[in-house]
N, C-alpha and C. Protein backbone atom coordinates (compact mmCIF):
# COMPACT_ATOMS: atom_id res chain seq x y z
N UNK A 1 11.98 -2.79 18.91
CA UNK A 1 11.52 -1.74 18.00
C UNK A 1 11.33 -0.41 18.74
N UNK A 2 10.95 -0.50 20.01
CA UNK A 2 10.78 0.72 20.80
C UNK A 2 12.10 1.49 20.89
N UNK A 3 13.18 0.75 21.16
CA UNK A 3 14.50 1.37 21.28
C UNK A 3 14.94 1.95 19.94
N UNK A 4 14.67 1.24 18.85
CA UNK A 4 15.04 1.73 17.53
C UNK A 4 14.29 3.02 17.19
N UNK A 5 12.99 3.04 17.50
CA UNK A 5 12.19 4.24 17.22
C UNK A 5 12.71 5.43 18.02
N UNK A 6 13.07 5.19 19.29
CA UNK A 6 13.62 6.26 20.13
C UNK A 6 14.95 6.75 19.55
N UNK A 7 15.75 5.81 19.04
CA UNK A 7 17.04 6.18 18.46
C UNK A 7 16.85 7.02 17.19
N UNK A 8 15.88 6.63 16.35
CA UNK A 8 15.60 7.39 15.13
C UNK A 8 15.20 8.82 15.47
N UNK A 9 14.39 8.96 16.52
CA UNK A 9 13.93 10.28 16.93
C UNK A 9 15.10 11.13 17.41
N UNK A 10 15.99 10.53 18.21
CA UNK A 10 17.15 11.25 18.70
C UNK A 10 18.05 11.68 17.55
N UNK A 11 18.29 10.76 16.60
CA UNK A 11 19.16 11.06 15.46
C UNK A 11 18.59 12.22 14.64
N UNK A 12 17.27 12.24 14.47
CA UNK A 12 16.63 13.32 13.71
C UNK A 12 16.86 14.67 14.38
N UNK A 13 16.67 14.72 15.71
CA UNK A 13 16.90 15.96 16.43
C UNK A 13 18.38 16.36 16.40
N UNK A 14 19.24 15.36 16.52
CA UNK A 14 20.69 15.63 16.53
C UNK A 14 21.14 16.24 15.20
N UNK A 15 20.64 15.70 14.10
CA UNK A 15 21.01 16.22 12.77
C UNK A 15 20.51 17.65 12.58
N UNK A 16 19.26 17.89 13.00
CA UNK A 16 18.72 19.24 12.85
C UNK A 16 19.48 20.25 13.70
N UNK A 17 19.86 19.83 14.91
CA UNK A 17 20.60 20.71 15.80
C UNK A 17 21.97 21.05 15.23
N UNK A 18 22.64 20.05 14.67
CA UNK A 18 23.94 20.28 14.06
C UNK A 18 23.84 21.22 12.86
N UNK A 19 22.76 21.06 12.10
CA UNK A 19 22.55 21.92 10.94
C UNK A 19 22.34 23.37 11.35
N UNK A 20 21.57 23.58 12.43
CA UNK A 20 21.34 24.94 12.92
C UNK A 20 22.64 25.57 13.41
N UNK A 21 23.44 24.77 14.12
CA UNK A 21 24.71 25.29 14.62
C UNK A 21 25.66 25.63 13.47
N UNK A 22 25.66 24.79 12.44
CA UNK A 22 26.53 25.03 11.29
C UNK A 22 26.14 26.31 10.57
N UNK A 23 24.83 26.54 10.47
CA UNK A 23 24.34 27.75 9.79
C UNK A 23 24.23 28.94 10.75
N UNK A 24 24.61 28.71 12.01
CA UNK A 24 24.58 29.76 13.02
C UNK A 24 23.19 30.39 13.14
N UNK A 25 22.19 29.50 13.21
CA UNK A 25 20.81 29.95 13.34
C UNK A 25 20.31 29.59 14.74
N UNK A 26 19.67 30.55 15.39
CA UNK A 26 19.12 30.31 16.72
C UNK A 26 17.60 30.28 16.64
N UNK A 27 17.06 29.09 16.66
CA UNK A 27 15.61 28.91 16.66
C UNK A 27 15.29 27.53 17.18
N UNK A 28 14.02 27.32 17.56
CA UNK A 28 13.62 26.03 18.08
C UNK A 28 13.52 25.00 16.96
N UNK A 29 13.75 23.75 17.32
CA UNK A 29 13.68 22.67 16.35
C UNK A 29 12.22 22.28 16.09
N UNK A 30 11.91 21.84 14.87
CA UNK A 30 10.56 21.33 14.61
C UNK A 30 10.37 19.99 15.31
N UNK A 31 9.14 19.67 15.64
CA UNK A 31 8.85 18.42 16.34
C UNK A 31 9.01 17.23 15.41
N UNK A 32 9.62 16.18 15.91
CA UNK A 32 9.78 14.93 15.17
C UNK A 32 8.74 13.94 15.67
N UNK A 33 8.00 13.35 14.74
CA UNK A 33 6.94 12.41 15.11
C UNK A 33 7.20 11.10 14.38
N UNK A 34 7.70 10.11 15.11
CA UNK A 34 8.02 8.81 14.51
C UNK A 34 6.79 7.91 14.51
N UNK A 35 6.43 7.39 13.32
CA UNK A 35 5.34 6.43 13.20
C UNK A 35 5.90 5.09 12.76
N UNK A 36 5.51 4.04 13.43
CA UNK A 36 5.93 2.69 13.07
C UNK A 36 4.75 1.97 12.45
N UNK A 37 4.86 1.62 11.16
CA UNK A 37 3.78 0.93 10.46
C UNK A 37 4.05 -0.58 10.50
N UNK A 38 3.12 -1.30 11.11
CA UNK A 38 3.25 -2.75 11.24
C UNK A 38 2.32 -3.43 10.24
N UNK A 39 2.90 -4.31 9.39
CA UNK A 39 2.12 -4.96 8.33
C UNK A 39 1.96 -6.46 8.54
N UNK A 40 2.34 -6.96 9.71
CA UNK A 40 2.22 -8.39 9.97
C UNK A 40 0.76 -8.84 10.03
N UNK A 41 0.55 -10.11 9.77
CA UNK A 41 -0.81 -10.67 9.78
C UNK A 41 -1.33 -10.85 11.21
N UNK A 42 -0.45 -11.12 12.14
CA UNK A 42 -0.87 -11.31 13.53
C UNK A 42 -0.82 -9.98 14.29
N UNK A 43 -1.65 -9.84 15.33
CA UNK A 43 -1.63 -8.60 16.12
C UNK A 43 -0.25 -8.37 16.75
N UNK A 44 0.12 -7.11 16.92
CA UNK A 44 1.41 -6.76 17.52
C UNK A 44 1.44 -7.20 18.98
N UNK A 45 2.47 -7.99 19.33
CA UNK A 45 2.58 -8.50 20.70
C UNK A 45 3.81 -7.95 21.42
N UNK A 46 4.72 -7.31 20.70
CA UNK A 46 5.95 -6.82 21.32
C UNK A 46 5.69 -5.54 22.11
N UNK A 47 6.73 -5.03 22.73
CA UNK A 47 6.61 -3.83 23.57
C UNK A 47 6.22 -2.61 22.75
N UNK A 48 5.43 -1.75 23.36
CA UNK A 48 5.03 -0.49 22.74
C UNK A 48 5.66 0.71 23.44
N UNK A 49 6.19 0.49 24.64
CA UNK A 49 6.85 1.57 25.36
C UNK A 49 8.04 1.02 26.14
N UNK A 50 8.97 1.92 26.45
CA UNK A 50 10.25 1.52 27.02
C UNK A 50 10.11 0.82 28.37
N UNK A 51 9.14 1.20 29.17
CA UNK A 51 8.95 0.61 30.50
C UNK A 51 8.64 -0.88 30.45
N UNK A 52 8.18 -1.36 29.28
CA UNK A 52 7.91 -2.79 29.13
C UNK A 52 9.19 -3.59 28.97
N UNK A 53 10.28 -2.90 28.68
CA UNK A 53 11.58 -3.56 28.48
C UNK A 53 12.55 -3.32 29.62
N UNK A 54 12.31 -2.29 30.39
CA UNK A 54 13.25 -1.87 31.44
C UNK A 54 12.71 -2.21 32.83
N UNK A 55 13.61 -2.74 33.67
CA UNK A 55 13.25 -3.02 35.06
C UNK A 55 13.43 -1.71 35.83
N UNK A 56 12.35 -0.96 35.96
CA UNK A 56 12.41 0.36 36.57
C UNK A 56 12.36 0.25 38.09
N UNK A 57 13.37 0.81 38.72
CA UNK A 57 13.43 0.85 40.19
C UNK A 57 12.39 1.85 40.68
N UNK A 58 11.51 1.40 41.57
CA UNK A 58 10.43 2.25 42.07
C UNK A 58 10.96 3.53 42.73
N UNK A 59 12.16 3.47 43.29
CA UNK A 59 12.73 4.63 43.96
C UNK A 59 13.05 5.76 42.97
N UNK A 60 13.31 5.38 41.72
CA UNK A 60 13.69 6.38 40.72
C UNK A 60 12.69 6.47 39.57
N UNK A 61 11.50 5.94 39.81
CA UNK A 61 10.48 5.90 38.77
C UNK A 61 10.12 7.29 38.25
N UNK A 62 10.10 8.28 39.12
CA UNK A 62 9.74 9.64 38.70
C UNK A 62 10.78 10.26 37.79
N UNK A 63 11.99 9.70 37.77
CA UNK A 63 13.05 10.23 36.92
C UNK A 63 13.18 9.48 35.60
N UNK A 64 12.43 8.38 35.49
CA UNK A 64 12.53 7.54 34.29
C UNK A 64 11.71 8.13 33.14
N UNK A 65 12.35 8.31 31.99
CA UNK A 65 11.67 8.83 30.80
C UNK A 65 11.12 7.65 29.98
N UNK A 66 9.85 7.43 30.09
CA UNK A 66 9.22 6.27 29.44
C UNK A 66 8.83 6.61 28.01
N UNK A 67 9.67 6.20 27.05
CA UNK A 67 9.40 6.48 25.65
C UNK A 67 8.28 5.58 25.15
N UNK A 68 7.28 6.16 24.51
CA UNK A 68 6.16 5.39 23.96
C UNK A 68 6.18 5.45 22.44
N UNK A 69 6.19 4.29 21.83
CA UNK A 69 6.25 4.19 20.37
C UNK A 69 4.88 4.40 19.75
N UNK A 70 4.83 5.16 18.68
CA UNK A 70 3.58 5.39 17.95
C UNK A 70 3.39 4.27 16.92
N UNK A 71 2.70 3.24 17.31
CA UNK A 71 2.51 2.06 16.46
C UNK A 71 1.21 2.16 15.67
N UNK A 72 1.31 1.94 14.36
CA UNK A 72 0.13 1.92 13.49
C UNK A 72 0.05 0.53 12.85
N UNK A 73 -0.98 -0.22 13.18
CA UNK A 73 -1.15 -1.56 12.61
C UNK A 73 -1.95 -1.47 11.31
N UNK A 74 -1.28 -1.76 10.20
CA UNK A 74 -1.93 -1.68 8.89
C UNK A 74 -3.03 -2.72 8.76
N UNK A 75 -2.71 -3.96 9.09
CA UNK A 75 -3.71 -5.02 9.04
C UNK A 75 -4.50 -5.02 10.34
N UNK A 76 -5.56 -5.80 10.37
CA UNK A 76 -6.38 -5.84 11.58
C UNK A 76 -7.54 -4.85 11.48
N UNK A 77 -8.27 -4.75 12.58
CA UNK A 77 -9.49 -3.94 12.58
C UNK A 77 -9.38 -2.68 13.44
N UNK A 78 -8.17 -2.38 13.90
CA UNK A 78 -7.98 -1.19 14.73
C UNK A 78 -8.27 0.06 13.91
N UNK A 79 -9.07 0.97 14.45
CA UNK A 79 -9.40 2.21 13.75
C UNK A 79 -8.56 3.35 14.32
N UNK A 80 -8.21 4.31 13.47
CA UNK A 80 -7.39 5.43 13.88
C UNK A 80 -8.01 6.74 13.39
N UNK A 81 -7.79 7.79 14.15
CA UNK A 81 -8.24 9.12 13.75
C UNK A 81 -7.01 9.99 13.52
N UNK A 82 -6.80 10.38 12.26
CA UNK A 82 -5.64 11.20 11.92
C UNK A 82 -6.10 12.61 11.57
N UNK A 83 -5.47 13.58 12.20
CA UNK A 83 -5.79 14.98 11.89
C UNK A 83 -5.06 15.45 10.63
N UNK A 84 -3.99 14.74 10.27
CA UNK A 84 -3.19 15.10 9.10
C UNK A 84 -3.67 14.29 7.89
N UNK A 85 -4.06 14.98 6.82
CA UNK A 85 -4.62 14.31 5.64
C UNK A 85 -3.63 13.34 5.01
N UNK A 86 -2.36 13.73 4.92
CA UNK A 86 -1.36 12.86 4.29
C UNK A 86 -1.18 11.56 5.06
N UNK A 87 -1.15 11.64 6.39
CA UNK A 87 -1.01 10.44 7.21
C UNK A 87 -2.26 9.58 7.06
N UNK A 88 -3.42 10.22 7.02
CA UNK A 88 -4.69 9.50 6.82
C UNK A 88 -4.66 8.73 5.51
N UNK A 89 -4.27 9.40 4.43
CA UNK A 89 -4.22 8.76 3.11
C UNK A 89 -3.21 7.62 3.09
N UNK A 90 -2.04 7.85 3.67
CA UNK A 90 -1.00 6.83 3.71
C UNK A 90 -1.51 5.57 4.38
N UNK A 91 -2.10 5.73 5.56
CA UNK A 91 -2.56 4.57 6.30
C UNK A 91 -3.68 3.83 5.58
N UNK A 92 -4.71 4.56 5.16
CA UNK A 92 -5.88 3.89 4.60
C UNK A 92 -5.65 3.33 3.20
N UNK A 93 -4.74 3.93 2.43
CA UNK A 93 -4.40 3.34 1.13
C UNK A 93 -3.65 2.03 1.36
N UNK A 94 -2.69 2.05 2.28
CA UNK A 94 -1.94 0.83 2.59
C UNK A 94 -2.87 -0.26 3.11
N UNK A 95 -3.75 0.09 4.05
CA UNK A 95 -4.67 -0.91 4.59
C UNK A 95 -5.59 -1.44 3.50
N UNK A 96 -6.07 -0.58 2.62
CA UNK A 96 -6.97 -1.00 1.54
C UNK A 96 -6.26 -1.93 0.57
N UNK A 97 -4.96 -1.73 0.38
CA UNK A 97 -4.19 -2.61 -0.49
C UNK A 97 -3.98 -3.97 0.18
N UNK A 98 -3.62 -3.95 1.46
CA UNK A 98 -3.36 -5.19 2.17
C UNK A 98 -4.62 -6.05 2.32
N UNK A 99 -5.76 -5.42 2.59
CA UNK A 99 -6.99 -6.23 2.69
C UNK A 99 -7.73 -6.34 1.36
N UNK A 100 -7.14 -5.72 0.30
CA UNK A 100 -7.61 -5.80 -1.09
C UNK A 100 -8.95 -5.13 -1.33
N UNK A 101 -9.44 -4.37 -0.37
CA UNK A 101 -10.70 -3.65 -0.58
C UNK A 101 -10.53 -2.54 -1.60
N UNK A 102 -9.29 -2.14 -1.86
CA UNK A 102 -9.04 -1.08 -2.82
C UNK A 102 -9.45 -1.51 -4.23
N UNK A 103 -9.50 -2.83 -4.46
CA UNK A 103 -9.89 -3.35 -5.77
C UNK A 103 -11.40 -3.54 -5.90
N UNK A 104 -12.12 -3.12 -4.88
CA UNK A 104 -13.57 -3.23 -4.91
C UNK A 104 -14.24 -1.91 -5.28
N UNK A 105 -13.43 -0.95 -5.73
CA UNK A 105 -13.99 0.33 -6.16
C UNK A 105 -13.77 1.46 -5.18
N UNK A 106 -13.27 1.16 -3.98
CA UNK A 106 -13.06 2.21 -2.97
C UNK A 106 -11.87 3.09 -3.29
N UNK A 107 -11.10 2.75 -4.32
CA UNK A 107 -9.94 3.56 -4.69
C UNK A 107 -10.36 4.97 -5.05
N UNK A 108 -11.60 5.11 -5.56
CA UNK A 108 -12.10 6.44 -5.94
C UNK A 108 -12.26 7.35 -4.73
N UNK A 109 -12.36 6.75 -3.55
CA UNK A 109 -12.55 7.55 -2.34
C UNK A 109 -11.32 8.40 -2.03
N UNK A 110 -10.15 8.00 -2.53
CA UNK A 110 -8.93 8.71 -2.21
C UNK A 110 -8.69 9.92 -3.11
N UNK A 111 -9.25 9.88 -4.32
CA UNK A 111 -9.11 11.03 -5.22
C UNK A 111 -7.67 11.34 -5.55
N UNK A 112 -7.27 12.61 -5.42
CA UNK A 112 -5.91 13.05 -5.71
C UNK A 112 -5.07 12.94 -4.44
N UNK A 113 -3.91 12.29 -4.58
CA UNK A 113 -3.03 12.06 -3.43
C UNK A 113 -1.62 12.55 -3.78
N UNK A 114 -0.93 13.10 -2.80
CA UNK A 114 0.42 13.59 -3.01
C UNK A 114 1.36 12.45 -3.40
N UNK A 115 2.27 12.72 -4.34
CA UNK A 115 3.22 11.71 -4.78
C UNK A 115 4.14 11.27 -3.65
N UNK A 116 4.48 12.20 -2.76
CA UNK A 116 5.35 11.86 -1.63
C UNK A 116 4.71 10.80 -0.75
N UNK A 117 3.39 10.86 -0.61
CA UNK A 117 2.66 9.86 0.17
C UNK A 117 2.67 8.52 -0.55
N UNK A 118 2.46 8.57 -1.86
CA UNK A 118 2.39 7.33 -2.64
C UNK A 118 3.75 6.65 -2.78
N UNK A 119 4.83 7.42 -2.66
CA UNK A 119 6.16 6.80 -2.65
C UNK A 119 6.32 5.90 -1.43
N UNK A 120 5.81 6.35 -0.30
CA UNK A 120 5.86 5.53 0.91
C UNK A 120 4.94 4.32 0.76
N UNK A 121 3.77 4.53 0.15
CA UNK A 121 2.84 3.42 -0.12
C UNK A 121 3.53 2.37 -0.99
N UNK A 122 4.21 2.83 -2.03
CA UNK A 122 4.93 1.93 -2.95
C UNK A 122 5.99 1.14 -2.18
N UNK A 123 6.71 1.79 -1.29
CA UNK A 123 7.75 1.13 -0.51
C UNK A 123 7.16 0.06 0.40
N UNK A 124 6.01 0.36 1.01
CA UNK A 124 5.40 -0.57 1.96
C UNK A 124 4.66 -1.72 1.28
N UNK A 125 4.10 -1.48 0.10
CA UNK A 125 3.24 -2.49 -0.53
C UNK A 125 3.77 -3.05 -1.84
N UNK A 126 4.59 -2.25 -2.56
CA UNK A 126 5.16 -2.65 -3.85
C UNK A 126 4.08 -3.03 -4.88
N UNK A 127 2.96 -2.30 -4.91
CA UNK A 127 1.93 -2.56 -5.91
C UNK A 127 2.41 -2.13 -7.28
N UNK A 128 2.03 -2.89 -8.32
CA UNK A 128 2.52 -2.63 -9.67
C UNK A 128 1.96 -1.36 -10.29
N UNK A 129 0.76 -0.96 -9.90
CA UNK A 129 0.12 0.16 -10.57
C UNK A 129 0.59 1.53 -10.07
N UNK A 130 1.54 1.54 -9.13
CA UNK A 130 2.18 2.80 -8.74
C UNK A 130 3.54 2.85 -9.40
N UNK A 131 3.70 3.80 -10.32
CA UNK A 131 4.92 3.92 -11.11
C UNK A 131 5.86 4.95 -10.46
N UNK A 132 7.04 4.50 -10.05
CA UNK A 132 7.98 5.39 -9.38
C UNK A 132 8.41 6.55 -10.26
N UNK A 133 8.55 6.29 -11.56
CA UNK A 133 8.94 7.35 -12.48
C UNK A 133 7.89 8.46 -12.51
N UNK A 134 6.63 8.05 -12.56
CA UNK A 134 5.55 9.03 -12.57
C UNK A 134 5.48 9.79 -11.25
N UNK A 135 5.75 9.08 -10.16
CA UNK A 135 5.73 9.72 -8.85
C UNK A 135 6.82 10.76 -8.72
N UNK A 136 7.94 10.55 -9.42
CA UNK A 136 9.02 11.52 -9.39
C UNK A 136 8.69 12.75 -10.22
N UNK A 137 7.90 12.55 -11.29
CA UNK A 137 7.61 13.64 -12.22
C UNK A 137 6.45 14.53 -11.77
N UNK A 138 5.52 13.96 -11.01
CA UNK A 138 4.32 14.70 -10.61
C UNK A 138 4.26 14.90 -9.10
N UNK A 139 3.62 15.99 -8.70
CA UNK A 139 3.45 16.27 -7.28
C UNK A 139 2.24 15.55 -6.71
N UNK A 140 1.23 15.33 -7.57
CA UNK A 140 0.01 14.65 -7.14
C UNK A 140 -0.40 13.61 -8.18
N UNK A 141 -1.10 12.59 -7.74
CA UNK A 141 -1.54 11.50 -8.62
C UNK A 141 -3.03 11.23 -8.39
N UNK A 142 -3.76 11.06 -9.49
CA UNK A 142 -5.17 10.66 -9.40
C UNK A 142 -5.20 9.15 -9.23
N UNK A 143 -5.67 8.67 -8.10
CA UNK A 143 -5.59 7.26 -7.76
C UNK A 143 -6.31 6.35 -8.74
N UNK A 144 -7.52 6.70 -9.11
CA UNK A 144 -8.28 5.83 -10.00
C UNK A 144 -7.62 5.73 -11.37
N UNK A 145 -6.97 6.81 -11.82
CA UNK A 145 -6.28 6.79 -13.10
C UNK A 145 -5.05 5.90 -13.04
N UNK A 146 -4.35 5.90 -11.91
CA UNK A 146 -3.16 5.07 -11.74
C UNK A 146 -3.51 3.59 -11.88
N UNK A 147 -4.57 3.16 -11.19
CA UNK A 147 -4.96 1.75 -11.27
C UNK A 147 -5.55 1.41 -12.63
N UNK A 148 -6.27 2.34 -13.23
CA UNK A 148 -6.87 2.10 -14.53
C UNK A 148 -5.79 1.83 -15.58
N UNK A 149 -4.70 2.62 -15.54
CA UNK A 149 -3.61 2.42 -16.49
C UNK A 149 -2.96 1.06 -16.29
N UNK A 150 -2.84 0.65 -15.03
CA UNK A 150 -2.25 -0.66 -14.75
C UNK A 150 -3.11 -1.77 -15.33
N UNK A 151 -4.43 -1.66 -15.17
CA UNK A 151 -5.34 -2.67 -15.70
C UNK A 151 -5.26 -2.74 -17.21
N UNK A 152 -5.14 -1.57 -17.86
CA UNK A 152 -5.05 -1.54 -19.32
C UNK A 152 -3.79 -2.24 -19.80
N UNK A 153 -2.67 -1.96 -19.15
CA UNK A 153 -1.40 -2.59 -19.52
C UNK A 153 -1.47 -4.09 -19.30
N UNK A 154 -1.99 -4.50 -18.15
CA UNK A 154 -2.06 -5.92 -17.84
C UNK A 154 -3.01 -6.66 -18.77
N UNK A 155 -4.12 -6.05 -19.11
CA UNK A 155 -5.08 -6.72 -19.98
C UNK A 155 -4.47 -6.97 -21.36
N UNK A 156 -3.66 -6.01 -21.85
CA UNK A 156 -2.99 -6.19 -23.14
C UNK A 156 -1.94 -7.29 -23.05
N UNK A 157 -1.23 -7.34 -21.92
CA UNK A 157 -0.23 -8.39 -21.75
C UNK A 157 -0.89 -9.76 -21.72
N UNK A 158 -2.00 -9.87 -20.94
CA UNK A 158 -2.70 -11.15 -20.85
C UNK A 158 -3.28 -11.55 -22.21
N UNK A 159 -3.80 -10.56 -22.97
CA UNK A 159 -4.36 -10.86 -24.28
C UNK A 159 -3.29 -11.34 -25.23
N UNK A 160 -2.14 -10.68 -25.25
CA UNK A 160 -1.04 -11.08 -26.12
C UNK A 160 -0.54 -12.48 -25.77
N UNK A 161 -0.46 -12.77 -24.50
CA UNK A 161 -0.02 -14.08 -24.04
C UNK A 161 -1.02 -15.16 -24.44
N UNK A 162 -2.31 -14.86 -24.36
CA UNK A 162 -3.33 -15.83 -24.74
C UNK A 162 -3.27 -16.16 -26.22
N UNK A 163 -3.11 -15.13 -27.05
CA UNK A 163 -3.02 -15.35 -28.50
C UNK A 163 -1.76 -16.14 -28.84
N UNK A 164 -0.64 -15.81 -28.18
CA UNK A 164 0.61 -16.53 -28.46
C UNK A 164 0.47 -18.01 -28.14
N UNK A 165 -0.17 -18.33 -27.03
CA UNK A 165 -0.36 -19.73 -26.66
C UNK A 165 -1.24 -20.45 -27.68
N UNK A 166 -2.27 -19.73 -28.16
CA UNK A 166 -3.17 -20.34 -29.13
C UNK A 166 -2.45 -20.67 -30.43
N UNK A 167 -1.59 -19.76 -30.89
CA UNK A 167 -0.84 -19.98 -32.14
C UNK A 167 0.15 -21.12 -31.97
N UNK A 168 0.83 -21.14 -30.82
CA UNK A 168 1.82 -22.19 -30.59
C UNK A 168 1.17 -23.56 -30.54
N UNK A 169 -0.03 -23.64 -30.08
CA UNK A 169 -0.72 -24.93 -30.03
C UNK A 169 -1.07 -25.45 -31.42
N UNK A 170 -1.16 -24.53 -32.37
CA UNK A 170 -1.42 -24.94 -33.76
C UNK A 170 -2.81 -25.45 -34.01
N UNK A 171 -3.74 -25.13 -33.16
CA UNK A 171 -5.10 -25.60 -33.38
C UNK A 171 -5.80 -24.70 -34.38
N UNK A 172 -6.88 -25.21 -35.01
CA UNK A 172 -7.56 -24.49 -36.08
C UNK A 172 -8.09 -23.15 -35.61
N UNK A 173 -8.59 -23.09 -34.39
CA UNK A 173 -9.12 -21.85 -33.88
C UNK A 173 -8.23 -21.34 -32.74
N UNK A 174 -6.96 -21.36 -33.01
CA UNK A 174 -5.97 -21.01 -31.99
C UNK A 174 -6.17 -19.61 -31.43
N UNK A 175 -6.34 -18.65 -32.30
CA UNK A 175 -6.45 -17.26 -31.84
C UNK A 175 -7.72 -17.07 -31.02
N UNK A 176 -8.83 -17.66 -31.54
CA UNK A 176 -10.10 -17.52 -30.82
C UNK A 176 -10.03 -18.19 -29.46
N UNK A 177 -9.48 -19.43 -29.44
CA UNK A 177 -9.36 -20.15 -28.19
C UNK A 177 -8.39 -19.45 -27.24
N UNK A 178 -7.29 -18.95 -27.85
CA UNK A 178 -6.30 -18.26 -27.04
C UNK A 178 -6.89 -17.03 -26.39
N UNK A 179 -7.75 -16.32 -27.14
CA UNK A 179 -8.38 -15.12 -26.59
C UNK A 179 -9.28 -15.48 -25.41
N UNK A 180 -10.01 -16.60 -25.56
CA UNK A 180 -10.89 -17.02 -24.47
C UNK A 180 -10.06 -17.44 -23.25
N UNK A 181 -8.99 -18.19 -23.52
CA UNK A 181 -8.12 -18.60 -22.42
C UNK A 181 -7.51 -17.38 -21.74
N UNK A 182 -7.18 -16.39 -22.56
CA UNK A 182 -6.60 -15.15 -22.03
C UNK A 182 -7.57 -14.46 -21.09
N UNK A 183 -8.83 -14.35 -21.54
CA UNK A 183 -9.82 -13.70 -20.70
C UNK A 183 -10.01 -14.46 -19.39
N UNK A 184 -10.03 -15.79 -19.50
CA UNK A 184 -10.19 -16.61 -18.30
C UNK A 184 -9.03 -16.38 -17.33
N UNK A 185 -7.79 -16.40 -17.88
CA UNK A 185 -6.61 -16.18 -17.03
C UNK A 185 -6.64 -14.78 -16.42
N UNK A 186 -7.05 -13.81 -17.22
CA UNK A 186 -7.10 -12.43 -16.75
C UNK A 186 -8.12 -12.29 -15.62
N UNK A 187 -9.34 -12.85 -15.84
CA UNK A 187 -10.37 -12.77 -14.81
C UNK A 187 -9.93 -13.50 -13.54
N UNK A 188 -9.32 -14.69 -13.73
CA UNK A 188 -8.89 -15.47 -12.57
C UNK A 188 -7.81 -14.74 -11.78
N UNK A 189 -6.88 -14.11 -12.53
CA UNK A 189 -5.81 -13.36 -11.87
C UNK A 189 -6.38 -12.21 -11.05
N UNK A 190 -7.39 -11.56 -11.60
CA UNK A 190 -8.01 -10.43 -10.88
C UNK A 190 -8.78 -10.91 -9.66
N UNK A 191 -9.46 -12.07 -9.81
CA UNK A 191 -10.17 -12.66 -8.67
C UNK A 191 -9.17 -13.00 -7.57
N UNK A 192 -8.01 -13.58 -7.96
CA UNK A 192 -6.98 -13.94 -6.99
C UNK A 192 -6.44 -12.72 -6.28
N UNK A 193 -6.45 -11.57 -6.96
CA UNK A 193 -5.97 -10.33 -6.36
C UNK A 193 -7.01 -9.67 -5.46
N UNK A 194 -8.22 -10.22 -5.46
CA UNK A 194 -9.24 -9.70 -4.57
C UNK A 194 -10.38 -8.95 -5.25
N UNK A 195 -10.35 -8.87 -6.60
CA UNK A 195 -11.44 -8.20 -7.31
C UNK A 195 -12.71 -9.04 -7.20
N UNK A 196 -13.81 -8.41 -7.04
CA UNK A 196 -15.09 -9.11 -7.04
C UNK A 196 -15.56 -9.28 -8.48
N UNK A 197 -16.47 -10.24 -8.70
CA UNK A 197 -17.02 -10.47 -10.04
C UNK A 197 -17.70 -9.20 -10.56
N UNK A 198 -18.41 -8.53 -9.69
CA UNK A 198 -19.12 -7.30 -10.11
C UNK A 198 -18.13 -6.21 -10.52
N UNK A 199 -17.00 -6.11 -9.82
CA UNK A 199 -15.99 -5.11 -10.16
C UNK A 199 -15.38 -5.41 -11.53
N UNK A 200 -15.07 -6.69 -11.78
CA UNK A 200 -14.48 -7.09 -13.06
C UNK A 200 -15.47 -6.80 -14.19
N UNK A 201 -16.73 -7.13 -13.97
CA UNK A 201 -17.76 -6.90 -14.98
C UNK A 201 -17.87 -5.41 -15.30
N UNK A 202 -17.77 -4.58 -14.28
CA UNK A 202 -17.87 -3.13 -14.48
C UNK A 202 -16.67 -2.60 -15.25
N UNK A 203 -15.48 -3.09 -14.93
CA UNK A 203 -14.25 -2.62 -15.58
C UNK A 203 -14.24 -2.94 -17.06
N UNK A 204 -14.67 -4.17 -17.44
CA UNK A 204 -14.59 -4.60 -18.84
C UNK A 204 -15.93 -4.55 -19.56
N UNK A 205 -16.94 -3.99 -18.89
CA UNK A 205 -18.27 -3.82 -19.52
C UNK A 205 -18.83 -5.14 -20.05
N UNK A 206 -18.77 -6.17 -19.24
CA UNK A 206 -19.35 -7.47 -19.61
C UNK A 206 -20.29 -7.89 -18.48
N UNK A 207 -21.08 -8.92 -18.73
CA UNK A 207 -22.02 -9.37 -17.72
C UNK A 207 -21.32 -10.25 -16.68
N UNK A 208 -21.84 -10.25 -15.49
CA UNK A 208 -21.29 -11.09 -14.44
C UNK A 208 -21.46 -12.57 -14.79
N UNK A 209 -22.58 -12.89 -15.48
CA UNK A 209 -22.85 -14.28 -15.84
C UNK A 209 -21.79 -14.82 -16.80
N UNK A 210 -21.38 -13.98 -17.78
CA UNK A 210 -20.38 -14.43 -18.76
C UNK A 210 -19.03 -14.70 -18.09
N UNK A 211 -18.69 -13.90 -17.09
CA UNK A 211 -17.45 -14.10 -16.36
C UNK A 211 -17.50 -15.39 -15.55
N UNK A 212 -18.63 -15.61 -14.89
CA UNK A 212 -18.78 -16.82 -14.07
C UNK A 212 -18.72 -18.07 -14.95
N UNK A 213 -19.39 -18.01 -16.14
CA UNK A 213 -19.37 -19.18 -17.05
C UNK A 213 -17.94 -19.48 -17.49
N UNK A 214 -17.19 -18.44 -17.83
CA UNK A 214 -15.82 -18.62 -18.33
C UNK A 214 -14.92 -19.20 -17.23
N UNK A 215 -15.08 -18.71 -16.01
CA UNK A 215 -14.26 -19.18 -14.91
C UNK A 215 -14.57 -20.63 -14.53
N UNK A 216 -15.81 -21.06 -14.83
CA UNK A 216 -16.21 -22.43 -14.49
C UNK A 216 -15.78 -23.45 -15.54
N UNK A 217 -15.32 -22.96 -16.72
CA UNK A 217 -14.90 -23.88 -17.78
C UNK A 217 -13.63 -24.61 -17.37
N UNK A 218 -13.56 -25.89 -17.73
CA UNK A 218 -12.39 -26.69 -17.38
C UNK A 218 -11.19 -26.27 -18.21
C-alpha cells in the first residue's frame, strides 16, 4: 500500500504538470496530500513507510527518499488532530458509523456537512440514509435531517410489511397483530444496527419500558 500511495501521489503531480504545460502556464503545483483510510477490524500491521520494504544500503542511506504513507485508521481507538474541517468531518463521521455511535444521538454534533465530504463517506460506508441524488443536488447536507428521513422511510416500510403479514395470516386481528410484529421487527432492527433503547424511545416518543416488553415477547 505504501508503494501504491506513492504512485498515486506521483500520478497526481504528473497530471497537473502536464496540464500546466498544455495551457502554457508557469506556476508552482499545489501540494498533493494522500490519505489512506483503513477500515479493517484489526490494527494495521503492514508497512507505513518505504524503508520498511526496501533493503537500504547504509552507504547510500542519505540518498534514499523514504516515502511515508499517511495512514488513518477508521476503527480502533487512535485519536487524530485535523486542522482541516472537511477531513475532520470525513474521519469522525466514518468512525461514528463504523462503531455505530452515530446512532446514539451524536449525529447532531456534525451539523451541516459538505456534500463532497459525504460522497466519500457514502463510498466508504454505504449507509442507506445518505442519498447520492441529494448529494449531487446540494452543496451541503444537514446530518440529522438525512438520518431522520431514512428512519421515516424505513418505519413506513416496516409498518407496511407488518400489516401485509398480518393480513396474509388471515387471523381475526391480523392488522393489529401485524402492527405489533412490525414495531417489534423495527425496534429489533434498530437495536441490531446499534441504536440504544433510550434513542429508539426518543425517536418514536414511546417509553423505554414498552419497547423492552415488546422485544421480550416470543
